[in-house]
Amino acid sequence: MGINIYYLVSSFIKLLIHSHMKLILVVFCGILGFAGIALYLAAIAYLVFRKNRVATSLLISRDSQNVETLPRQDIVNMQLPCRVSTSDVD
């Protein structure tokens, strides 16, 4: 992740230095660009340090009494064929 941030910042600085824009436009682009990079870093820090408050499970239904226990037919049809054991081969 550090390499990506270094690449983004160094590429942005090279773009600002070597562009043929007027100085005032370079200043505004620099302010907006570095604000965007700071927002990007803040979002990454938030995702790293946040705590999960509620554990969620996508496979369990809230109403467990209505859950069908038999496997669905489309999943049963996708099953791999049984392996042939080496003792069956003549």
C-alpha atoms as a PDB file:
ATOM      1  CA  MET A   1       0.000   0.000   0.000  1.00  0.00           C
ATOM      2  CA  GLY A   2       2.873   2.344   0.733  1.00  0.00           C
ATOM      3  CA  ILE A   3       4.219   1.885  -2.776  1.00  0.00           C
ATOM      4  CA  ASN A   4       0.858   2.866  -4.265  1.00  0.00           C
ATOM      5  CA  ILE A   5       0.695   6.049  -2.184  1.00  0.00           C
ATOM      6  CA  TYR A   6       4.306   6.922  -3.050  1.00  0.00           C
ATOM      7  CA  TYR A   7       3.575   6.367  -6.757  1.00  0.00           C
ATOM      8  CA  LEU A   8       0.429   8.519  -6.632  1.00  0.00           C
ATOM      9  CA  VAL A   9       2.116  11.406  -4.816  1.00  0.00           C
ATOM     10  CA  SER A  10       5.316  11.358  -6.864  1.00  0.00           C
ATOM     11  CA  SER A  11       3.400  11.166 -10.147  1.00  0.00           C
ATOM     12  CA  PHE A  12       1.160  14.026  -9.091  1.00  0.00           C
ATOM     13  CA  ILE A  13       4.131  16.208  -8.111  1.00  0.00           C
ATOM     14  CA  LYS A  14       5.870  15.446 -11.430  1.00  0.00           C
ATOM     15  CA  LEU A  15       2.671  16.373 -13.251  1.00  0.00           C
ATOM     16  CA  LEU A  16       2.458  19.695 -11.439  1.00  0.00           C
ATOM     17  CA  ILE A  17       6.133  20.554 -11.928  1.00  0.00           C
ATOM     18  CA  HIS A  18       6.413  19.611 -15.593  1.00  0.00           C
ATOM     19  CA  SER A  19       3.024  20.831 -16.799  1.00  0.00           C
ATOM     20  CA  HIS A  20       2.731  23.911 -18.955  1.00  0.00           C
ATOM     21  CA  MET A  21      -0.129  25.395 -16.939  1.00  0.00           C
ATOM     22  CA  LYS A  22      -0.143  28.875 -15.488  1.00  0.00           C
ATOM     23  CA  LEU A  23       1.027  29.223 -11.897  1.00  0.00           C
ATOM     24  CA  ILE A  24      -2.417  29.960 -10.461  1.00  0.00           C
ATOM     25  CA  LEU A  25      -3.838  26.840 -12.115  1.00  0.00           C
ATOM     26  CA  VAL A  26      -0.965  24.731 -10.760  1.00  0.00           C
ATOM     27  CA  VAL A  27      -1.651  26.073  -7.255  1.00  0.00           C
ATOM     28  CA  PHE A  28      -5.368  25.218  -7.433  1.00  0.00           C
ATOM     29  CA  CYS A  29      -4.656  21.780  -8.893  1.00  0.00           C
ATOM     30  CA  GLY A  30      -2.106  21.186  -6.145  1.00  0.00           C
ATOM     31  CA  ILE A  31      -4.562  22.157  -3.422  1.00  0.00           C
ATOM     32  CA  LEU A  32      -7.321  19.970  -4.855  1.00  0.00           C
ATOM     33  CA  GLY A  33      -4.967  17.095  -5.594  1.00  0.00           C
ATOM     34  CA  PHE A  34      -3.373  17.004  -2.165  1.00  0.00           C
ATOM     35  CA  ALA A  35      -6.802  17.347  -0.540  1.00  0.00           C
ATOM     36  CA  GLY A  36      -7.898  14.305  -2.550  1.00  0.00           C
ATOM     37  CA  ILE A  37      -4.815  12.360  -1.486  1.00  0.00           C
ATOM     38  CA  ALA A  38      -5.468  13.315   2.160  1.00  0.00           C
ATOM     39  CA  LEU A  39      -9.086  12.149   1.801  1.00  0.00           C
ATOM     40  CA  TYR A  40      -7.844   8.874   0.296  1.00  0.00           C
ATOM     41  CA  LEU A  41      -5.441   8.335   3.222  1.00  0.00           C
ATOM     42  CA  ALA A  42      -8.158   9.201   5.748  1.00  0.00           C
ATOM     43  CA  ALA A  43     -10.525   6.676   4.147  1.00  0.00           C
ATOM     44  CA  ILE A  44      -7.863   3.963   4.293  1.00  0.00           C
ATOM     45  CA  ALA A  45      -7.111   4.796   7.935  1.00  0.00           C
ATOM     46  CA  TYR A  46     -10.830   4.637   8.755  1.00  0.00           C
ATOM     47  CA  LEU A  47     -11.203   1.220   7.148  1.00  0.00           C
ATOM     48  CA  VAL A  48      -8.113  -0.090   8.941  1.00  0.00           C
ATOM     49  CA  PHE A  49      -8.941   1.152  12.441  1.00  0.00           C
ATOM     50  CA  ARG A  50     -12.747   0.893  12.576  1.00  0.00           C
ATOM     51  CA  LYS A  51     -14.342  -1.676  14.831  1.00  0.00           C
ATOM     52  CA  ASN A  52     -17.139  -3.928  13.669  1.00  0.00           C
ATOM     53  CA  ARG A  53     -20.084  -3.316  15.948  1.00  0.00           C
ATOM     54  CA  VAL A  54     -22.416  -6.045  14.747  1.00  0.00           C
ATOM     55  CA  ALA A  55     -21.310  -9.381  13.383  1.00  0.00           C
ATOM     56  CA  THR A  56     -23.259 -10.143  10.257  1.00  0.00           C
ATOM     57  CA  SER A  57     -23.780 -13.489   8.649  1.00  0.00           C
ATOM     58  CA  LEU A  58     -24.959 -13.617   5.079  1.00  0.00           C
ATOM     59  CA  LEU A  59     -25.845 -17.306   5.098  1.00  0.00           C
ATOM     60  CA  ILE A  60     -28.129 -17.410   8.126  1.00  0.00           C
ATOM     61  CA  SER A  61     -31.685 -16.212   7.810  1.00  0.00           C
ATOM     62  CA  ARG A  62     -33.244 -14.127  10.561  1.00  0.00           C
ATOM     63  CA  ASP A  63     -36.326 -16.365  10.625  1.00  0.00           C
ATOM     64  CA  SER A  64     -34.747 -19.773  11.153  1.00  0.00           C
ATOM     65  CA  GLN A  65     -38.115 -21.580  11.460  1.00  0.00           C
ATOM     66  CA  ASN A  66     -38.930 -21.008   7.797  1.00  0.00           C
ATOM     67  CA  VAL A  67     -35.531 -22.111   6.500  1.00  0.00           C
ATOM     68  CA  GLU A  68     -35.688 -25.157   4.289  1.00  0.00           C
ATOM     69  CA  THR A  69     -33.156 -27.782   5.352  1.00  0.00           C
ATOM     70  CA  LEU A  70     -33.082 -29.727   2.083  1.00  0.00           C
ATOM     71  CA  PRO A  71     -30.466 -28.660  -0.461  1.00  0.00           C
ATOM     72  CA  ARG A  72     -31.709 -26.780  -3.483  1.00  0.00           C
ATOM     73  CA  GLN A  73     -32.065 -28.844  -6.635  1.00  0.00           C
ATOM     74  CA  ASP A  74     -29.854 -26.563  -8.741  1.00  0.00           C
ATOM     75  CA  ILE A  75     -26.998 -26.981  -6.248  1.00  0.00           C
ATOM     76  CA  VAL A  76     -27.458 -30.754  -6.150  1.00  0.00           C
ATOM     77  CA  ASN A  77     -27.237 -30.879  -9.962  1.00  0.00           C
ATOM     78  CA  MET A  78     -23.902 -29.012  -9.859  1.00  0.00           C
ATOM     79  CA  GLN A  79     -22.194 -31.624  -7.688  1.00  0.00           C
ATOM     80  CA  LEU A  80     -19.046 -33.238  -9.039  1.00  0.00           C
ATOM     81  CA  PRO A  81     -19.239 -36.886 -10.019  1.00  0.00           C
ATOM     82  CA  CYS A  82     -18.044 -39.430  -7.483  1.00  0.00           C
ATOM     83  CA  ARG A  83     -14.423 -40.529  -7.771  1.00  0.00           C
ATOM     84  CA  VAL A  84     -13.673 -43.974  -9.005  1.00  0.00           C
ATOM     85  CA  SER A  85     -11.499 -45.901  -6.618  1.00  0.00           C
ATOM     86  CA  THR A  86      -8.456 -47.732  -7.940  1.00  0.00           C
ATOM     87  CA  SER A  87      -9.850 -51.087  -6.777  1.00  0.00           C
ATOM     88  CA  ASP A  88     -12.704 -50.761  -9.311  1.00  0.00           C
ATOM     89  CA  VAL A  89     -10.282 -50.576 -12.239  1.00  0.00           C
ATOM     90  CA  ASP A  90      -9.445 -53.977 -13.766  1.00  0.00           C
END
